[in-house]
Amino acid sequence: MKQQHIWISIGLWSGLYLTWILLFHDHVFAVTRTMTVQFCYLLFVIANFYVQVYYAIPRLLNRKKYLLFAGFLPLTIALSALIRTPLALWLQVHVFLPGHPAPDAGGVFRESFLNIFIWVVFAVSVQQAIEKIGFRQHLDAMEKQRMRHELDFLKAQFNPHFLFNSINSIYGHIDRRNGEARDMLLSFSEMLRYQLYECNVDKIVIEKELQYIRHYVALQQGRREEHLRVRLDIPEDIAGFTIAPLLLITFVENAFKYVSAQEDGGEVIIAFRKHKDEVTFRAYNTKDRTAVEWEKGGIGIANARRRLDLQYPGRHRLVITDGDLSYEVLLTLNIKNHVNESHYSG
């Protein structure tokens, strides 16, 4: 985009230069004289234009230093006219009309000042108008996008609100003696609330993510056979840092989805370990020897790998071991610079 902008600027200034040659060419003089004179003007106009655009406008005009800006503009143009005057006199005496007396320096200065001033003001005005129009269009597009997102958000709020009301109604109709079913429904409600309202961020405190995993494990234990052995190992030091939300649940879901179903029982282990700036997550499950093609190449694992590459580039190690009778995921995350400051704020 920057290179394209440069070429556009070159094209516009070249077009202005050619326009000047056509408008101000005096047939009494050679075309080369007109080209030389207008090229000199072009250099001074370009220099003053960029001084105004990149210095005076952002540092003076946009900061409401109007008097300084009003004085800076004619001052820089007067300096340009002062530099151009001896150059124009030298060209007139030694190149264009040798042997003729030099024109009045004051007249050359006034003419130079007026011409440079008019074209600089014109060019800056056009540039500012185009910039304002583009900025307004950008604001309008942002406003439309904001309104669309707000509308989508309001639409999305209806269904969750209805859903939570329904969950509360179902909870109220479950017999109080059926504590297991009531607890499962509460766990499901908390998981849903977490996904809908707390996961729209890049990082979330690990404590909330762990609570989500606990709810999920509790639900799976409630719906699975009694002979399934589940071990959830979360030491107390797994706290005080942030993590990408819903990153680990894919591996936890796979562990329960593909755990072996023999009568002698299957086993699922979800464990965490922390050492200095690294956290290791382990998801292990037994599996049937005759199980169908494994999920490690599926969309869930593929998405998890992609998220790790994007959110933890160079700061993670993922090792998946697919054995005949077991499946294990070992994920190590470098959590340096992701410490939850509020956790330690006392």
Protein backbone atom coordinates (compact mmCIF):
# COMPACT_ATOMS: atom_id res chain seq x y z
CA MET A 1 0.00 0.00 0.00
CA LYS A 2 2.86 2.40 0.79
CA GLN A 3 4.50 1.76 -2.60
CA GLN A 4 1.16 2.23 -4.32
CA HIS A 5 0.68 5.54 -2.49
CA ILE A 6 4.11 6.73 -3.67
CA TRP A 7 3.32 5.94 -7.31
CA ILE A 8 -0.04 7.70 -7.06
CA SER A 9 1.67 10.80 -5.65
CA ILE A 10 4.25 10.76 -8.45
CA GLY A 11 1.48 10.48 -11.02
CA LEU A 12 -0.50 13.39 -9.53
CA TRP A 13 2.50 15.72 -9.33
CA SER A 14 3.53 14.79 -12.87
CA GLY A 15 0.01 15.54 -14.07
CA LEU A 16 0.08 18.91 -12.34
CA TYR A 17 3.46 19.69 -13.92
CA LEU A 18 2.21 18.89 -17.42
CA THR A 19 -0.89 20.99 -16.80
CA TRP A 20 1.26 23.97 -15.85
CA ILE A 21 3.32 23.62 -19.04
CA LEU A 22 0.16 23.64 -21.15
CA LEU A 23 -1.47 26.53 -19.27
CA PHE A 24 1.50 28.85 -18.84
CA HIS A 25 3.52 28.23 -22.00
CA ASP A 26 4.34 31.53 -23.67
CA HIS A 27 4.85 31.02 -27.40
CA VAL A 28 7.40 33.87 -27.42
CA PHE A 29 9.77 31.67 -25.44
CA ALA A 30 10.97 28.12 -26.02
CA VAL A 31 9.14 25.22 -24.42
CA THR A 32 12.29 24.35 -22.51
CA ARG A 33 12.09 27.65 -20.64
CA THR A 34 8.52 26.95 -19.58
CA MET A 35 9.50 23.43 -18.50
CA THR A 36 12.42 24.75 -16.46
CA VAL A 37 10.46 27.53 -14.77
CA GLN A 38 7.51 25.31 -13.92
CA PHE A 39 9.80 22.52 -12.69
CA CYS A 40 11.42 24.96 -10.26
CA TYR A 41 7.98 25.99 -9.05
CA LEU A 42 7.00 22.32 -8.74
CA LEU A 43 9.94 21.56 -6.44
CA PHE A 44 9.07 24.41 -4.09
CA VAL A 45 5.35 23.59 -4.13
CA ILE A 46 6.01 19.90 -3.36
CA ALA A 47 8.41 20.77 -0.53
CA ASN A 48 5.94 23.19 1.08
CA PHE A 49 3.03 20.79 0.57
CA TYR A 50 4.69 17.95 2.50
CA VAL A 51 5.95 20.31 5.21
CA GLN A 52 2.36 21.42 5.78
CA VAL A 53 0.83 17.95 5.55
CA TYR A 54 3.33 16.07 7.72
CA TYR A 55 4.37 18.78 10.17
CA ALA A 56 2.24 21.91 10.33
CA ILE A 57 -1.21 20.28 10.12
CA PRO A 58 -0.69 17.41 12.62
CA ARG A 59 1.45 19.41 15.08
CA LEU A 60 -0.14 22.82 14.84
CA LEU A 61 -3.54 22.84 13.16
CA ASN A 62 -4.82 19.56 14.62
CA ARG A 63 -3.64 20.62 18.08
CA LYS A 64 -5.61 23.86 17.75
CA LYS A 65 -2.53 26.07 17.58
CA TYR A 66 -4.20 28.20 14.95
CA LEU A 67 -2.06 31.34 15.29
CA LEU A 68 1.15 29.34 14.97
CA PHE A 69 -0.21 27.52 11.93
CA ALA A 70 -1.39 30.79 10.34
CA GLY A 71 2.10 32.22 10.76
CA PHE A 72 3.98 29.06 9.80
CA LEU A 73 2.34 28.70 6.39
CA PRO A 74 3.32 32.08 4.91
CA LEU A 75 6.70 31.95 6.65
CA THR A 76 7.74 28.70 4.93
CA ILE A 77 6.41 29.94 1.59
CA ALA A 78 8.26 33.25 1.99
CA LEU A 79 11.44 31.27 2.69
CA SER A 80 10.86 29.26 -0.50
CA ALA A 81 10.25 32.44 -2.51
CA LEU A 82 13.40 33.95 -1.04
CA ILE A 83 15.42 30.91 -2.16
CA ARG A 84 13.81 30.88 -5.61
CA THR A 85 14.44 34.60 -6.31
CA PRO A 86 18.23 34.47 -6.89
CA LEU A 87 17.78 31.19 -8.80
CA ALA A 88 15.25 32.82 -11.11
CA LEU A 89 17.46 35.87 -11.58
CA TRP A 90 20.47 33.75 -12.46
CA LEU A 91 18.48 31.68 -15.01
CA GLN A 92 17.07 34.87 -16.56
CA VAL A 93 20.47 36.56 -16.96
CA HIS A 94 22.68 33.61 -17.85
CA VAL A 95 20.34 31.12 -19.60
CA PHE A 96 17.14 32.58 -20.96
CA LEU A 97 18.02 36.22 -21.82
CA PRO A 98 21.79 36.66 -21.67
CA GLY A 99 22.92 40.24 -22.09
CA HIS A 100 19.63 41.68 -20.86
CA PRO A 101 19.36 43.47 -17.52
CA ALA A 102 18.16 41.40 -14.58
CA PRO A 103 14.50 41.86 -13.60
CA ASP A 104 13.52 43.49 -10.35
CA ALA A 105 14.28 41.12 -7.45
CA GLY A 106 11.34 42.40 -5.43
CA GLY A 107 8.95 41.63 -8.28
CA VAL A 108 10.38 38.14 -8.71
CA PHE A 109 10.01 37.53 -4.98
CA ARG A 110 6.39 38.71 -4.92
CA GLU A 111 5.52 36.64 -7.99
CA SER A 112 7.23 33.56 -6.54
CA PHE A 113 5.50 33.97 -3.17
CA LEU A 114 2.07 34.42 -4.75
CA ASN A 115 2.38 31.45 -7.13
CA ILE A 116 3.77 29.08 -4.50
CA PHE A 117 1.18 30.23 -1.94
CA ILE A 118 -1.78 29.70 -4.29
CA TRP A 119 -0.72 26.22 -5.38
CA VAL A 120 0.27 25.04 -1.92
CA VAL A 121 -3.05 26.19 -0.43
CA PHE A 122 -4.90 24.56 -3.33
CA ALA A 123 -3.01 21.24 -3.02
CA VAL A 124 -3.32 21.11 0.78
CA SER A 125 -7.04 21.95 0.59
CA VAL A 126 -7.67 19.16 -1.92
CA GLN A 127 -5.63 16.69 0.15
CA GLN A 128 -7.46 17.60 3.34
CA ALA A 129 -10.85 17.37 1.64
CA ILE A 130 -10.05 13.90 0.29
CA GLU A 131 -8.75 12.82 3.70
CA LYS A 132 -11.87 14.12 5.46
CA ILE A 133 -14.14 12.34 3.00
CA GLY A 134 -12.19 9.09 3.44
CA PHE A 135 -12.26 9.48 7.22
CA ARG A 136 -16.00 10.11 7.19
CA GLN A 137 -16.58 7.05 5.03
CA HIS A 138 -14.44 5.02 7.44
CA LEU A 139 -16.46 6.28 10.41
CA ASP A 140 -19.73 5.51 8.64
CA ALA A 141 -18.53 1.98 7.85
CA MET A 142 -17.44 1.49 11.47
CA GLU A 143 -20.80 2.78 12.73
CA LYS A 144 -22.69 0.42 10.43
CA GLN A 145 -20.50 -2.46 11.57
CA ARG A 146 -21.03 -1.51 15.22
CA MET A 147 -24.79 -1.38 14.75
CA ARG A 148 -24.75 -4.73 12.94
CA HIS A 149 -22.70 -6.31 15.73
CA GLU A 150 -24.98 -4.78 18.34
CA LEU A 151 -28.03 -6.14 16.53
CA ASP A 152 -26.44 -9.58 16.23
CA PHE A 153 -25.59 -9.45 19.91
CA LEU A 154 -29.13 -8.52 20.87
CA LYS A 155 -30.47 -11.31 18.70
CA ALA A 156 -28.07 -13.74 20.30
CA GLN A 157 -29.16 -12.68 23.77
CA PHE A 158 -32.71 -13.86 23.26
CA ASN A 159 -31.96 -17.54 22.85
CA PRO A 160 -29.53 -17.83 25.79
CA HIS A 161 -31.97 -15.93 28.00
CA PHE A 162 -34.76 -18.27 27.00
CA LEU A 163 -32.46 -21.27 27.43
CA PHE A 164 -31.40 -20.34 30.96
CA ASN A 165 -35.01 -19.74 31.95
CA SER A 166 -35.85 -23.17 30.57
CA ILE A 167 -32.99 -24.75 32.51
CA ASN A 168 -34.23 -23.11 35.70
CA SER A 169 -37.73 -24.41 35.02
CA ILE A 170 -36.44 -27.95 34.41
CA TYR A 171 -34.31 -27.75 37.54
CA GLY A 172 -37.38 -26.79 39.56
CA HIS A 173 -39.32 -29.80 38.25
CA ILE A 174 -36.63 -32.34 39.09
CA ASP A 175 -37.45 -34.26 42.24
CA ARG A 176 -35.31 -32.98 45.12
CA ARG A 177 -34.44 -36.57 45.96
CA ASN A 178 -32.70 -36.86 42.60
CA GLY A 179 -29.70 -34.78 43.65
CA GLU A 180 -27.47 -36.25 40.96
CA ALA A 181 -29.70 -35.03 38.13
CA ARG A 182 -30.04 -31.60 39.71
CA ASP A 183 -26.25 -31.31 40.09
CA MET A 184 -25.71 -32.36 36.47
CA LEU A 185 -28.15 -29.71 35.27
CA LEU A 186 -26.41 -27.05 37.35
CA SER A 187 -23.05 -28.10 35.94
CA PHE A 188 -24.43 -27.88 32.42
CA SER A 189 -25.89 -24.43 33.14
CA GLU A 190 -22.55 -23.14 34.45
CA MET A 191 -20.70 -24.55 31.43
CA LEU A 192 -23.15 -22.89 29.07
CA ARG A 193 -22.91 -19.59 30.87
CA TYR A 194 -19.10 -19.72 30.70
CA GLN A 195 -19.08 -20.43 26.96
CA LEU A 196 -21.60 -17.71 26.12
CA TYR A 197 -20.56 -14.86 28.37
CA GLU A 198 -16.93 -15.27 29.43
CA CYS A 199 -15.05 -16.76 26.48
CA ASN A 200 -15.22 -13.78 24.11
CA VAL A 201 -11.68 -12.78 25.08
CA ASP A 202 -8.18 -13.78 24.01
CA LYS A 203 -7.09 -14.80 27.51
CA ILE A 204 -8.95 -15.89 30.61
CA VAL A 205 -7.80 -16.74 34.12
CA ILE A 206 -6.89 -20.40 34.49
CA GLU A 207 -9.16 -20.80 37.50
CA LYS A 208 -12.26 -20.27 35.35
CA GLU A 209 -11.01 -22.64 32.68
CA LEU A 210 -10.34 -25.30 35.32
CA GLN A 211 -13.81 -24.87 36.77
CA TYR A 212 -15.25 -25.42 33.28
CA ILE A 213 -13.22 -28.64 32.95
CA ARG A 214 -14.42 -29.79 36.37
CA HIS A 215 -18.04 -29.28 35.33
CA TYR A 216 -17.45 -31.17 32.10
CA VAL A 217 -15.79 -34.10 33.88
CA ALA A 218 -18.64 -34.20 36.41
CA LEU A 219 -21.19 -34.41 33.60
CA GLN A 220 -19.28 -37.19 31.86
CA GLN A 221 -18.97 -39.16 35.07
CA GLY A 222 -22.70 -38.84 35.60
CA ARG A 223 -23.65 -40.16 32.16
CA ARG A 224 -20.99 -42.85 31.82
CA GLU A 225 -20.99 -46.39 33.20
CA GLU A 226 -20.08 -46.83 36.83
CA HIS A 227 -17.00 -48.86 35.99
CA LEU A 228 -15.33 -45.91 34.24
CA ARG A 229 -12.40 -44.69 36.32
CA VAL A 230 -11.77 -40.95 36.15
CA ARG A 231 -8.91 -39.10 37.82
CA LEU A 232 -8.80 -35.32 37.75
CA ASP A 233 -5.51 -34.07 39.16
CA ILE A 234 -5.28 -30.28 39.55
CA PRO A 235 -2.64 -29.14 42.07
CA GLU A 236 -3.14 -25.91 44.00
CA ASP A 237 -0.28 -24.15 42.20
CA ILE A 238 -2.21 -24.22 38.92
CA ALA A 239 -3.41 -20.66 39.44
CA GLY A 240 -2.49 -17.04 38.90
CA PHE A 241 -2.05 -16.95 35.12
CA THR A 242 -4.15 -16.68 31.99
CA ILE A 243 -4.77 -19.06 29.13
CA ALA A 244 -6.63 -19.08 25.83
CA PRO A 245 -10.24 -20.02 26.66
CA LEU A 246 -11.61 -23.44 25.67
CA LEU A 247 -8.20 -24.54 24.42
CA LEU A 248 -7.86 -27.69 26.51
CA ILE A 249 -11.44 -28.91 26.40
CA THR A 250 -10.95 -30.46 22.94
CA PHE A 251 -8.46 -32.96 24.36
CA VAL A 252 -10.68 -33.63 27.39
CA GLU A 253 -13.67 -34.30 25.14
CA ASN A 254 -11.64 -36.71 23.02
CA ALA A 255 -10.53 -38.62 26.10
CA PHE A 256 -14.14 -39.27 27.14
CA LYS A 257 -15.39 -39.79 23.60
CA TYR A 258 -12.95 -42.58 22.77
CA VAL A 259 -12.35 -44.18 26.16
CA SER A 260 -12.60 -47.98 26.09
CA ALA A 261 -15.98 -49.46 26.96
CA GLN A 262 -15.13 -53.00 28.10
CA GLU A 263 -16.76 -54.45 31.19
CA ASP A 264 -13.48 -54.36 33.08
CA GLY A 265 -13.69 -50.59 32.81
CA GLY A 266 -11.88 -47.81 31.02
CA GLU A 267 -9.77 -45.04 32.48
CA VAL A 268 -9.49 -41.30 31.88
CA ILE A 269 -6.79 -39.17 33.48
CA ILE A 270 -6.78 -35.37 33.29
CA ALA A 271 -3.77 -33.89 35.04
CA PHE A 272 -1.84 -30.64 35.32
CA ARG A 273 1.69 -29.87 36.43
CA LYS A 274 3.46 -26.52 36.78
CA HIS A 275 7.20 -25.88 36.77
CA LYS A 276 8.44 -22.29 36.78
CA ASP A 277 7.01 -20.63 33.65
CA GLU A 278 5.65 -23.82 32.10
CA VAL A 279 2.41 -25.71 32.58
CA THR A 280 1.98 -29.27 31.35
CA PHE A 281 -1.47 -30.64 30.62
CA ARG A 282 -2.05 -34.37 30.25
CA ALA A 283 -5.12 -36.11 28.86
CA TYR A 284 -4.93 -39.91 28.92
CA ASN A 285 -7.51 -42.54 28.14
CA THR A 286 -7.62 -46.24 27.48
CA LYS A 287 -9.13 -47.29 24.18
CA ASP A 288 -10.34 -50.39 22.40
CA ARG A 289 -7.93 -52.20 20.13
CA THR A 290 -10.68 -52.33 17.49
CA ALA A 291 -11.56 -48.64 17.75
CA VAL A 292 -12.33 -46.78 14.55
CA GLU A 293 -9.89 -44.32 13.02
CA TRP A 294 -8.65 -42.01 15.72
CA GLU A 295 -9.67 -38.44 16.22
CA LYS A 296 -6.12 -37.12 16.18
CA GLY A 297 -6.53 -36.27 12.53
CA GLY A 298 -10.03 -34.89 13.00
CA ILE A 299 -11.24 -31.33 12.90
CA GLY A 300 -11.20 -30.89 16.69
CA ILE A 301 -7.50 -31.69 17.08
CA ALA A 302 -6.67 -29.81 13.87
CA ASN A 303 -8.39 -26.68 15.20
CA ALA A 304 -6.58 -27.04 18.53
CA ARG A 305 -3.24 -27.29 16.73
CA ARG A 306 -4.06 -24.21 14.69
CA ARG A 307 -5.03 -22.22 17.77
CA LEU A 308 -1.79 -23.21 19.48
CA ASP A 309 0.21 -22.05 16.45
CA LEU A 310 -1.61 -18.71 16.43
CA GLN A 311 -1.84 -18.00 20.16
CA TYR A 312 1.31 -19.70 21.44
CA PRO A 313 3.80 -19.47 18.55
CA GLY A 314 7.10 -20.95 19.65
CA ARG A 315 5.79 -21.30 23.20
CA HIS A 316 4.16 -24.72 23.22
CA ARG A 317 4.97 -28.39 22.75
CA LEU A 318 2.23 -30.83 21.77
CA VAL A 319 2.97 -34.57 21.82
CA ILE A 320 0.22 -37.07 20.95
CA THR A 321 0.88 -40.76 21.55
CA ASP A 322 -1.60 -43.09 19.89
CA GLY A 323 -0.98 -46.59 21.21
CA ASP A 324 -2.82 -49.84 20.66
CA LEU A 325 -4.70 -49.62 23.95
CA SER A 326 -4.26 -46.02 25.03
CA TYR A 327 -4.18 -42.47 23.79
CA GLU A 328 -2.27 -39.66 25.47
CA VAL A 329 -1.93 -35.94 24.90
CA LEU A 330 0.91 -34.00 26.52
CA LEU A 331 0.74 -30.24 26.03
CA THR A 332 3.29 -27.88 27.54
CA LEU A 333 2.59 -24.15 27.50
CA ASN A 334 4.99 -21.35 28.31
CA ILE A 335 2.92 -18.98 30.45
CA LYS A 336 5.56 -16.30 30.88
CA ASN A 337 4.05 -12.84 30.32
CA HIS A 338 0.60 -14.33 30.91
CA VAL A 339 0.57 -13.96 34.68
CA ASN A 340 -2.77 -12.78 35.98
CA GLU A 341 -1.76 -9.53 37.69
CA SER A 342 -5.10 -9.17 39.44
CA HIS A 343 -4.45 -12.52 41.13
CA TYR A 344 -1.48 -11.02 42.93
CA SER A 345 -2.80 -7.54 43.49
CA GLY A 346 -3.57 -8.47 47.07
